[in-house]
C-alpha atoms as a PDB file:
ATOM      1  CA  MET A   1     -70.840  40.878 -64.674  1.00  0.00           C
ATOM      2  CA  THR A   2     -69.322  37.686 -66.418  1.00  0.00           C
ATOM      3  CA  LEU A   3     -67.328  40.671 -69.277  1.00  0.00           C
ATOM      4  CA  LEU A   4     -65.799  41.983 -66.311  1.00  0.00           C
ATOM      5  CA  SER A   5     -64.724  39.140 -64.574  1.00  0.00           C
ATOM      6  CA  LEU A   6     -62.890  37.933 -67.963  1.00  0.00           C
ATOM      7  CA  GLU A   7     -61.526  41.518 -68.400  1.00  0.00           C
ATOM      8  CA  GLN A   8     -59.875  41.857 -64.571  1.00  0.00           C
ATOM      9  CA  SER A   9     -58.186  38.309 -65.265  1.00  0.00           C
ATOM     10  CA  THR A  10     -56.554  38.977 -68.194  1.00  0.00           C
ATOM     11  CA  LYS A  11     -54.922  41.984 -66.731  1.00  0.00           C
ATOM     12  CA  SER A  12     -53.529  39.858 -64.060  1.00  0.00           C
ATOM     13  CA  SER A  13     -52.567  37.851 -65.893  1.00  0.00           C
ATOM     14  CA  HIS A  14     -50.804  40.101 -68.163  1.00  0.00           C
ATOM     15  CA  SER A  15     -49.235  42.143 -64.885  1.00  0.00           C
ATOM     16  CA  SER A  16     -47.888  38.709 -64.086  1.00  0.00           C
ATOM     17  CA  PHE A  17     -45.986  38.178 -66.857  1.00  0.00           C
ATOM     18  CA  ALA A  18     -44.540  41.538 -67.282  1.00  0.00           C
ATOM     19  CA  SER A  19     -43.809  41.215 -63.588  1.00  0.00           C
ATOM     20  CA  ALA A  20     -41.688  37.915 -64.609  1.00  0.00           C
ATOM     21  CA  LEU A  21     -40.656  39.363 -67.142  1.00  0.00           C
ATOM     22  CA  LEU A  22     -39.075  42.540 -65.289  1.00  0.00           C
ATOM     23  CA  GLY A  23     -37.527  39.933 -62.609  1.00  0.00           C
ATOM     24  CA  LEU A  24     -35.339  37.887 -65.848  1.00  0.00           C
ATOM     25  CA  ARG A  25     -34.312  41.173 -66.632  1.00  0.00           C
ATOM     26  CA  SER A  26     -32.995  42.374 -63.475  1.00  0.00           C
ATOM     27  CA  ARG A  27     -31.631  39.429 -62.350  1.00  0.00           C
ATOM     28  CA  ALA A  28     -29.886  39.346 -66.160  1.00  0.00           C
ATOM     29  CA  VAL A  29     -28.791  42.507 -65.664  1.00  0.00           C
ATOM     30  CA  ALA A  30     -27.490  41.965 -62.367  1.00  0.00           C
ATOM     31  CA  SER A  31     -25.100  39.342 -63.228  1.00  0.00           C
ATOM     32  CA  TRP A  32     -23.768  40.549 -66.348  1.00  0.00           C
ATOM     33  CA  LYS A  33     -22.658  43.928 -63.629  1.00  0.00           C
ATOM     34  CA  ARG A  34     -21.103  40.858 -61.210  1.00  0.00           C
ATOM     35  CA  ARG A  35     -19.718  38.996 -64.041  1.00  0.00           C
ATOM     36  CA  ARG A  36     -18.248  42.783 -65.298  1.00  0.00           C
ATOM     37  CA  ALA A  37     -16.721  43.495 -62.034  1.00  0.00           C
ATOM     38  CA  GLU A  38     -15.193  39.611 -61.622  1.00  0.00           C
ATOM     39  CA  ARG A  39     -13.286  40.083 -65.090  1.00  0.00           C
ATOM     40  CA  ALA A  40     -12.155  43.612 -63.528  1.00  0.00           C
ATOM     41  CA  LEU A  41     -11.092  42.466 -60.556  1.00  0.00           C
ATOM     42  CA  GLU A  42      -8.942  39.268 -62.166  1.00  0.00           C
ATOM     43  CA  GLY A  43      -6.890  41.799 -64.549  1.00  0.00           C
ATOM     44  CA  LEU A  44      -5.486  43.729 -61.011  1.00  0.00           C
ATOM     45  CA  SER A  45      -2.298  42.227 -59.886  1.00  0.00           C
ATOM     46  CA  TYR A  46      -1.678  40.917 -56.615  1.00  0.00           C
ATOM     47  CA  ASP A  47      -0.043  43.876 -54.954  1.00  0.00           C
ATOM     48  CA  THR A  48      -3.108  45.847 -56.081  1.00  0.00           C
ATOM     49  CA  LEU A  49      -5.443  43.232 -54.788  1.00  0.00           C
ATOM     50  CA  LYS A  50      -3.678  42.898 -51.744  1.00  0.00           C
ATOM     51  CA  ASP A  51      -3.787  47.040 -51.147  1.00  0.00           C
ATOM     52  CA  ILE A  52      -8.017  47.205 -51.322  1.00  0.00           C
ATOM     53  CA  GLY A  53      -8.137  44.303 -48.864  1.00  0.00           C
ATOM     54  CA  PHE A  54      -8.425  40.839 -50.564  1.00  0.00           C
ATOM     55  CA  PRO A  55      -7.022  37.964 -48.356  1.00  0.00           C
ATOM     56  CA  SER A  56      -3.694  36.568 -49.640  1.00  0.00           C
ATOM     57  CA  ALA A  57      -4.668  32.782 -48.318  1.00  0.00           C
ATOM     58  CA  ASP A  58      -7.485  31.098 -49.432  1.00  0.00           C
ATOM     59  CA  ARG A  59      -9.991  30.065 -46.632  1.00  0.00           C
ATOM     60  CA  THR A  60     -11.153  27.186 -48.082  1.00  0.00           C
ATOM     61  CA  ASN A  61      -8.314  24.884 -46.483  1.00  0.00           C
ATOM     62  CA  GLY A  62      -8.975  26.220 -43.416  1.00  0.00           C
ATOM     63  CA  SER A  63      -5.905  28.500 -42.728  1.00  0.00           C
ATOM     64  CA  LYS A  64      -5.600  32.002 -41.679  1.00  0.00           C
ATOM     65  CA  PRO A  65      -4.819  34.943 -44.075  1.00  0.00           C
ATOM     66  CA  ALA A  66      -1.250  36.296 -44.070  1.00  0.00           C
ATOM     67  CA  ARG A  67      -1.396  39.645 -42.763  1.00  0.00           C
END
């Protein structure tokens, strides 16, 4: 019985390590995709950004975007 419980705890620690590793990988991939999309948007002209719906004013200063 002791051997069985040790095998089960070893398997659960491996699975938690594997799930942590997969979680880290998925976060890294999501971050890479987000950064790639940001770079693509930064390369667009102001008129194109305006056409696809980006606001023309910075909302952090409390002003409304010009329409």
